[in-house]
Amino acid sequence: MEINTPWVEITREMVLKRHAEVGKKNGHATANHLMRALGSVLRSSMKYYRAQDGSMLVQECPTSILS
């Protein structure tokens, strides 16, 4: 998951990979905090941003894989 990846393109696999990378480099607590913050941003975006027909752009928050 690159910094410039659009939020609607973030996948569960990307989340797992980044969580593992951050955990290995900076510790599991840091990885957990990072993903919790990312999940908050994504869930807020999911509620706020919609397609023109009113449907959700992303059906499930990709960080939910960690729960």
C-alpha atoms as a PDB file:
ATOM      1  CA  MET A   1       0.000   0.000   0.000  1.00  0.00           C
ATOM      2  CA  GLU A   2       1.676   3.150  -1.198  1.00  0.00           C
ATOM      3  CA  ILE A   3       1.055   6.524   0.403  1.00  0.00           C
ATOM      4  CA  ASN A   4      -0.612   7.752  -2.796  1.00  0.00           C
ATOM      5  CA  THR A   5      -3.059   4.824  -3.115  1.00  0.00           C
ATOM      6  CA  PRO A   6      -6.659   6.102  -3.311  1.00  0.00           C
ATOM      7  CA  TRP A   7      -8.586   5.075  -0.208  1.00  0.00           C
ATOM      8  CA  VAL A   8     -11.207   3.192  -2.216  1.00  0.00           C
ATOM      9  CA  GLU A   9      -8.452   0.923  -3.618  1.00  0.00           C
ATOM     10  CA  ILE A  10      -7.075  -0.231  -0.246  1.00  0.00           C
ATOM     11  CA  THR A  11      -7.682  -3.958   0.121  1.00  0.00           C
ATOM     12  CA  ARG A  12      -7.724  -6.303   3.086  1.00  0.00           C
ATOM     13  CA  GLU A  13      -4.534  -7.890   1.758  1.00  0.00           C
ATOM     14  CA  MET A  14      -2.808  -4.493   1.661  1.00  0.00           C
ATOM     15  CA  VAL A  15      -3.846  -3.875   5.265  1.00  0.00           C
ATOM     16  CA  LEU A  16      -2.453  -7.234   6.410  1.00  0.00           C
ATOM     17  CA  LYS A  17       0.806  -6.655   4.560  1.00  0.00           C
ATOM     18  CA  ARG A  18       1.309  -3.135   5.950  1.00  0.00           C
ATOM     19  CA  HIS A  19       0.361  -4.273   9.474  1.00  0.00           C
ATOM     20  CA  ALA A  20       3.020  -7.004   9.294  1.00  0.00           C
ATOM     21  CA  GLU A  21       5.649  -4.612   7.900  1.00  0.00           C
ATOM     22  CA  VAL A  22       5.046  -1.965  10.542  1.00  0.00           C
ATOM     23  CA  GLY A  23       4.867  -4.591  13.278  1.00  0.00           C
ATOM     24  CA  LYS A  24       8.200  -6.080  12.266  1.00  0.00           C
ATOM     25  CA  LYS A  25       9.930  -2.706  12.038  1.00  0.00           C
ATOM     26  CA  ASN A  26       8.262  -0.713  14.834  1.00  0.00           C
ATOM     27  CA  GLY A  27       6.508  -3.247  17.060  1.00  0.00           C
ATOM     28  CA  HIS A  28       3.060  -4.760  17.122  1.00  0.00           C
ATOM     29  CA  ALA A  29       1.553  -2.068  19.347  1.00  0.00           C
ATOM     30  CA  THR A  30       2.545   0.614  16.840  1.00  0.00           C
ATOM     31  CA  ALA A  31       1.097  -1.430  13.977  1.00  0.00           C
ATOM     32  CA  ASN A  32      -2.161  -1.875  15.877  1.00  0.00           C
ATOM     33  CA  HIS A  33      -2.432   1.849  16.642  1.00  0.00           C
ATOM     34  CA  LEU A  34      -1.686   2.737  13.016  1.00  0.00           C
ATOM     35  CA  MET A  35      -4.367   0.403  11.703  1.00  0.00           C
ATOM     36  CA  ARG A  36      -6.880   1.624  14.269  1.00  0.00           C
ATOM     37  CA  ALA A  37      -6.287   5.195  13.063  1.00  0.00           C
ATOM     38  CA  LEU A  38      -6.512   4.117   9.407  1.00  0.00           C
ATOM     39  CA  GLY A  39      -9.761   2.286  10.136  1.00  0.00           C
ATOM     40  CA  SER A  40     -11.233   5.408  11.727  1.00  0.00           C
ATOM     41  CA  VAL A  41     -10.367   7.500   8.691  1.00  0.00           C
ATOM     42  CA  LEU A  42     -11.713   4.877   6.295  1.00  0.00           C
ATOM     43  CA  ARG A  43     -14.991   4.388   8.187  1.00  0.00           C
ATOM     44  CA  SER A  44     -15.554   8.155   8.269  1.00  0.00           C
ATOM     45  CA  SER A  45     -14.830   8.359   4.546  1.00  0.00           C
ATOM     46  CA  MET A  46     -17.183   5.458   3.858  1.00  0.00           C
ATOM     47  CA  LYS A  47     -20.016   7.338   5.591  1.00  0.00           C
ATOM     48  CA  TYR A  48     -19.279  10.707   4.001  1.00  0.00           C
ATOM     49  CA  TYR A  49     -18.351   9.885   0.394  1.00  0.00           C
ATOM     50  CA  ARG A  50     -20.891   8.121  -1.808  1.00  0.00           C
ATOM     51  CA  ALA A  51     -21.298   7.267  -5.473  1.00  0.00           C
ATOM     52  CA  GLN A  52     -23.645   9.459  -7.507  1.00  0.00           C
ATOM     53  CA  ASP A  53     -26.455   6.943  -7.036  1.00  0.00           C
ATOM     54  CA  GLY A  54     -26.006   7.120  -3.246  1.00  0.00           C
ATOM     55  CA  SER A  55     -24.391   3.705  -2.864  1.00  0.00           C
ATOM     56  CA  MET A  56     -21.300   3.211  -0.745  1.00  0.00           C
ATOM     57  CA  LEU A  57     -17.972   3.332  -2.585  1.00  0.00           C
ATOM     58  CA  VAL A  58     -16.538   0.626  -0.314  1.00  0.00           C
ATOM     59  CA  GLN A  59     -18.815  -2.021   1.204  1.00  0.00           C
ATOM     60  CA  GLU A  60     -16.556  -3.094   4.080  1.00  0.00           C
ATOM     61  CA  CYS A  61     -13.707  -1.361   5.863  1.00  0.00           C
ATOM     62  CA  PRO A  62     -10.525  -3.245   4.882  1.00  0.00           C
ATOM     63  CA  THR A  63      -9.080  -2.925   8.391  1.00  0.00           C
ATOM     64  CA  SER A  64     -11.897  -5.137   9.700  1.00  0.00           C
ATOM     65  CA  ILE A  65      -9.684  -8.099   8.729  1.00  0.00           C
ATOM     66  CA  LEU A  66      -7.638  -7.340  11.860  1.00  0.00           C
ATOM     67  CA  SER A  67     -10.553  -7.603  14.270  1.00  0.00           C
END
